[in-house]
N, C-alpha and C. Protein backbone atom coordinates (compact mmCIF):
# COMPACT_ATOMS: atom_id res chain seq x y z
N MET A 1 -32.59 -0.37 9.00
CA MET A 1 -32.77 -0.17 7.33
C MET A 1 -33.97 0.55 7.09
N LYS A 2 -33.70 1.24 6.00
CA LYS A 2 -34.73 2.23 5.43
C LYS A 2 -35.86 1.10 4.75
N PRO A 3 -36.95 1.34 4.70
CA PRO A 3 -38.04 0.52 4.38
C PRO A 3 -38.21 0.69 2.86
N ARG A 4 -38.42 -0.49 1.81
CA ARG A 4 -38.58 -0.20 0.42
C ARG A 4 -37.60 -0.17 -0.45
N ILE A 5 -36.25 -0.20 0.20
CA ILE A 5 -35.10 0.25 -0.75
C ILE A 5 -34.45 -1.09 -0.93
N HIS A 6 -34.60 -2.35 -0.32
CA HIS A 6 -33.78 -3.42 -0.27
C HIS A 6 -34.68 -4.32 -1.02
N PRO A 7 -33.74 -5.26 -1.78
CA PRO A 7 -34.63 -6.29 -2.72
C PRO A 7 -35.15 -7.15 -1.85
N VAL A 8 -36.20 -8.07 -2.17
CA VAL A 8 -36.89 -9.10 -1.43
C VAL A 8 -35.73 -10.21 -1.22
N SER A 9 -35.44 -10.89 -0.11
CA SER A 9 -34.76 -12.09 -0.18
C SER A 9 -35.86 -13.08 0.28
N ARG A 10 -35.70 -14.23 -0.34
CA ARG A 10 -36.56 -15.57 -0.29
C ARG A 10 -35.68 -16.72 -0.47
N PRO A 11 -36.21 -17.89 -0.14
CA PRO A 11 -35.61 -18.97 -0.32
C PRO A 11 -35.68 -19.47 -1.84
N VAL A 12 -34.42 -20.02 -2.05
CA VAL A 12 -34.31 -20.45 -3.75
C VAL A 12 -33.39 -21.59 -3.42
N VAL A 13 -33.83 -22.33 -4.76
CA VAL A 13 -33.04 -23.82 -4.77
C VAL A 13 -32.04 -23.41 -6.02
N PHE A 14 -30.74 -23.60 -5.78
CA PHE A 14 -29.86 -23.50 -6.77
C PHE A 14 -29.43 -25.17 -7.19
N ARG A 15 -29.62 -25.47 -8.48
CA ARG A 15 -29.32 -26.69 -8.61
C ARG A 15 -28.27 -26.82 -9.56
N ASP A 16 -27.23 -27.57 -9.32
CA ASP A 16 -25.94 -27.73 -10.06
C ASP A 16 -26.02 -28.82 -10.93
N ARG A 17 -26.25 -28.72 -12.33
CA ARG A 17 -26.28 -29.79 -13.44
C ARG A 17 -25.15 -30.81 -13.50
N ALA A 18 -23.75 -30.13 -13.04
CA ALA A 18 -22.83 -30.80 -13.52
C ALA A 18 -22.57 -31.89 -12.33
N ALA A 19 -22.88 -31.64 -11.02
CA ALA A 19 -22.42 -32.48 -10.03
C ALA A 19 -24.10 -33.46 -9.50
N ASP A 20 -25.11 -32.74 -10.15
CA ASP A 20 -26.29 -33.18 -9.90
C ASP A 20 -26.82 -33.34 -8.30
N THR A 21 -26.58 -32.05 -7.75
CA THR A 21 -27.00 -31.77 -6.55
C THR A 21 -27.75 -30.23 -6.36
N ALA A 22 -28.40 -30.04 -5.49
CA ALA A 22 -29.24 -28.97 -5.18
C ALA A 22 -28.90 -28.20 -3.84
N PHE A 23 -29.23 -27.04 -3.80
CA PHE A 23 -28.87 -26.36 -2.55
C PHE A 23 -30.11 -25.33 -2.27
N LEU A 24 -30.52 -25.26 -1.13
CA LEU A 24 -31.83 -24.56 -0.76
C LEU A 24 -31.11 -23.23 -0.01
N THR A 25 -31.30 -22.22 -0.23
CA THR A 25 -30.53 -20.89 0.31
C THR A 25 -31.43 -19.66 0.18
N ARG A 26 -31.16 -18.66 0.82
CA ARG A 26 -32.00 -17.45 0.60
C ARG A 26 -31.18 -16.72 -0.65
N SER A 27 -31.89 -16.05 -1.56
CA SER A 27 -31.22 -15.21 -2.48
C SER A 27 -32.29 -14.14 -2.96
N THR A 28 -32.02 -13.10 -3.57
CA THR A 28 -32.91 -12.17 -4.14
C THR A 28 -33.11 -12.40 -5.58
N ALA A 29 -32.54 -13.65 -6.12
CA ALA A 29 -32.69 -13.87 -7.60
C ALA A 29 -34.16 -14.60 -7.45
N ASP A 30 -34.72 -14.75 -8.63
CA ASP A 30 -36.15 -15.41 -8.72
C ASP A 30 -36.19 -16.03 -10.15
N SER A 31 -36.95 -17.06 -10.08
CA SER A 31 -37.15 -17.65 -11.59
C SER A 31 -38.72 -18.04 -11.56
N ALA A 32 -39.21 -18.22 -12.69
CA ALA A 32 -40.43 -18.85 -13.02
C ALA A 32 -40.57 -20.12 -12.89
N GLU A 33 -39.54 -21.06 -13.09
CA GLU A 33 -39.48 -22.54 -12.67
C GLU A 33 -39.35 -22.72 -11.27
N ARG A 34 -40.28 -23.77 -10.79
CA ARG A 34 -40.45 -24.24 -9.32
C ARG A 34 -40.15 -25.65 -9.31
N VAL A 35 -39.75 -26.04 -7.88
CA VAL A 35 -39.31 -27.37 -7.82
C VAL A 35 -39.96 -27.50 -6.17
N THR A 36 -40.31 -28.83 -6.21
CA THR A 36 -40.60 -29.20 -4.82
C THR A 36 -39.42 -29.64 -4.04
N TRP A 37 -39.13 -29.07 -2.94
CA TRP A 37 -38.15 -29.51 -2.07
C TRP A 37 -38.34 -30.50 -1.08
N GLU A 38 -37.34 -30.94 -0.56
CA GLU A 38 -37.63 -32.29 0.46
C GLU A 38 -38.47 -31.84 1.69
N ASP A 39 -38.61 -30.70 1.87
CA ASP A 39 -39.79 -30.50 2.91
C ASP A 39 -41.18 -30.30 2.62
N GLY A 40 -41.43 -30.62 1.30
CA GLY A 40 -42.66 -30.54 0.68
C GLY A 40 -43.03 -29.07 0.02
N ASN A 41 -42.35 -28.10 0.41
CA ASN A 41 -42.67 -26.75 0.03
C ASN A 41 -42.31 -26.65 -1.56
N THR A 42 -42.85 -25.65 -2.16
CA THR A 42 -42.37 -25.31 -3.53
C THR A 42 -41.48 -24.03 -3.63
N TYR A 43 -40.41 -24.04 -4.36
CA TYR A 43 -39.49 -23.00 -4.39
C TYR A 43 -38.87 -22.68 -5.68
N PRO A 44 -38.73 -21.29 -5.96
CA PRO A 44 -38.01 -21.17 -7.31
C PRO A 44 -36.80 -21.90 -7.27
N VAL A 45 -36.45 -22.35 -8.55
CA VAL A 45 -34.91 -23.05 -8.90
C VAL A 45 -34.32 -22.40 -10.24
N ILE A 46 -33.03 -22.24 -9.78
CA ILE A 46 -32.31 -21.64 -10.77
C ILE A 46 -31.08 -22.68 -10.89
N ASP A 47 -30.74 -22.98 -12.25
CA ASP A 47 -29.80 -23.96 -12.73
C ASP A 47 -28.52 -23.19 -12.80
N VAL A 48 -27.34 -23.72 -12.38
CA VAL A 48 -25.98 -23.27 -12.33
C VAL A 48 -25.21 -24.33 -13.10
N GLU A 49 -24.12 -23.72 -13.60
CA GLU A 49 -23.06 -24.82 -14.24
C GLU A 49 -22.13 -25.10 -13.45
N THR A 50 -21.67 -24.25 -12.46
CA THR A 50 -20.82 -24.81 -11.63
C THR A 50 -20.97 -24.21 -10.11
N SER A 51 -20.68 -25.18 -9.13
CA SER A 51 -20.96 -24.47 -7.72
C SER A 51 -19.75 -25.29 -6.82
N SER A 52 -19.99 -25.34 -5.50
CA SER A 52 -18.90 -25.89 -4.90
C SER A 52 -18.87 -27.20 -4.85
N ALA A 53 -19.78 -27.85 -5.22
CA ALA A 53 -19.97 -29.25 -5.64
C ALA A 53 -19.42 -30.00 -6.71
N SER A 54 -19.05 -28.91 -7.71
CA SER A 54 -18.64 -29.13 -8.90
C SER A 54 -17.34 -28.64 -9.29
N HIS A 55 -16.98 -27.54 -8.69
CA HIS A 55 -15.83 -26.76 -9.05
C HIS A 55 -14.44 -27.51 -8.66
N PRO A 56 -13.53 -27.26 -9.47
CA PRO A 56 -12.10 -28.08 -9.13
C PRO A 56 -11.63 -27.68 -8.00
N PHE A 57 -11.77 -26.43 -7.61
CA PHE A 57 -10.88 -25.91 -6.44
C PHE A 57 -11.41 -26.30 -5.33
N HIS A 58 -12.63 -26.68 -5.15
CA HIS A 58 -13.37 -27.29 -3.94
C HIS A 58 -13.52 -28.68 -3.86
N THR A 59 -13.15 -29.35 -4.94
CA THR A 59 -13.65 -31.04 -5.14
C THR A 59 -11.96 -31.65 -4.96
N GLY A 60 -11.08 -30.73 -5.00
CA GLY A 60 -9.46 -31.21 -4.75
C GLY A 60 -9.06 -31.86 -6.11
N GLY A 61 -9.58 -31.27 -7.35
CA GLY A 61 -9.10 -31.70 -8.60
C GLY A 61 -8.19 -30.88 -9.22
N ARG A 62 -7.80 -29.82 -8.49
CA ARG A 62 -7.13 -28.92 -8.96
C ARG A 62 -5.71 -29.17 -9.20
N GLN A 63 -4.96 -28.74 -10.15
CA GLN A 63 -3.68 -29.30 -10.62
C GLN A 63 -2.49 -28.27 -10.13
N ALA A 64 -1.74 -28.73 -9.62
CA ALA A 64 -0.41 -27.98 -9.26
C ALA A 64 0.39 -27.38 -10.32
N LEU A 65 0.65 -26.42 -10.31
CA LEU A 65 1.26 -26.01 -11.56
C LEU A 65 2.80 -26.27 -11.48
N ASP A 66 3.42 -26.80 -12.51
CA ASP A 66 4.94 -27.27 -12.63
C ASP A 66 5.65 -26.25 -13.18
N THR A 67 5.98 -25.06 -12.73
CA THR A 67 6.84 -23.95 -13.33
C THR A 67 8.25 -24.62 -13.70
N ALA A 68 8.71 -25.31 -12.77
CA ALA A 68 10.11 -25.58 -13.46
C ALA A 68 9.99 -26.59 -14.76
N GLY A 69 8.96 -27.43 -14.89
CA GLY A 69 8.81 -28.37 -15.97
C GLY A 69 8.31 -27.30 -17.19
N ARG A 70 7.69 -26.30 -17.00
CA ARG A 70 7.10 -25.66 -18.04
C ARG A 70 8.66 -24.90 -18.67
N VAL A 71 9.46 -24.51 -17.62
CA VAL A 71 10.59 -23.73 -18.12
C VAL A 71 11.70 -24.57 -19.08
N GLU A 72 11.56 -25.70 -18.43
CA GLU A 72 12.53 -26.92 -19.21
C GLU A 72 11.88 -27.05 -20.83
N ARG A 73 10.85 -27.28 -20.67
CA ARG A 73 9.99 -27.56 -21.92
C ARG A 73 10.35 -26.45 -23.07
N PHE A 74 10.14 -25.30 -22.52
CA PHE A 74 10.24 -23.96 -23.24
C PHE A 74 11.94 -23.90 -23.51
N ARG A 75 12.84 -24.26 -22.77
CA ARG A 75 14.19 -24.45 -23.44
C ARG A 75 14.27 -25.45 -24.41
N ARG A 76 13.84 -26.66 -24.02
CA ARG A 76 14.10 -27.64 -25.21
C ARG A 76 13.37 -27.35 -26.36
N ARG A 77 12.41 -26.59 -26.35
CA ARG A 77 11.64 -26.42 -27.55
C ARG A 77 12.31 -25.28 -28.46
N TYR A 78 12.63 -24.20 -27.87
CA TYR A 78 13.08 -23.01 -28.55
C TYR A 78 14.75 -22.73 -28.21
N GLY A 79 15.24 -23.52 -27.44
CA GLY A 79 16.60 -23.30 -27.17
C GLY A 79 17.00 -22.40 -26.32
N THR A 80 18.40 -22.49 -25.90
CA THR A 80 18.92 -21.50 -24.75
C THR A 80 20.06 -20.46 -25.51
N ALA A 81 20.06 -20.61 -26.90
CA ALA A 81 20.90 -19.94 -27.56
C ALA A 81 20.85 -18.34 -27.15
N GLU A 82 21.94 -17.63 -27.02
CA GLU A 82 21.93 -16.16 -26.83
C GLU A 82 21.57 -15.32 -28.10
N ALA A 83 21.15 -14.45 -27.93
CA ALA A 83 20.93 -13.39 -28.88
C ALA A 83 22.19 -12.86 -29.73
N PRO A 84 22.37 -12.78 -31.21
CA PRO A 84 23.64 -12.47 -31.84
C PRO A 84 23.90 -10.92 -31.26
N ARG A 85 25.12 -10.76 -31.03
CA ARG A 85 25.71 -9.48 -30.83
C ARG A 85 26.26 -8.82 -32.08
N SER A 86 26.03 -7.39 -32.38
CA SER A 86 26.51 -6.71 -33.30
C SER A 86 27.80 -6.15 -33.02
């Protein structure tokens, strides 16, 4: 790798407010806010709205699409009448 062209990678805590969890990982992101981690060291902390701990895809809260039910509901609502012929 060429020197001085890559951003600095450092340990950063990402805190998910929705799930009330935090993850310590490496990132190029930085923050002025600091937090003391479980190991006693202080790291920059970045608050995120969604992470793997709170996203429905990862937590199993994802709904299956009911396409047949949607089609039937559309037909009931708008009918199945054909367009008038000229």
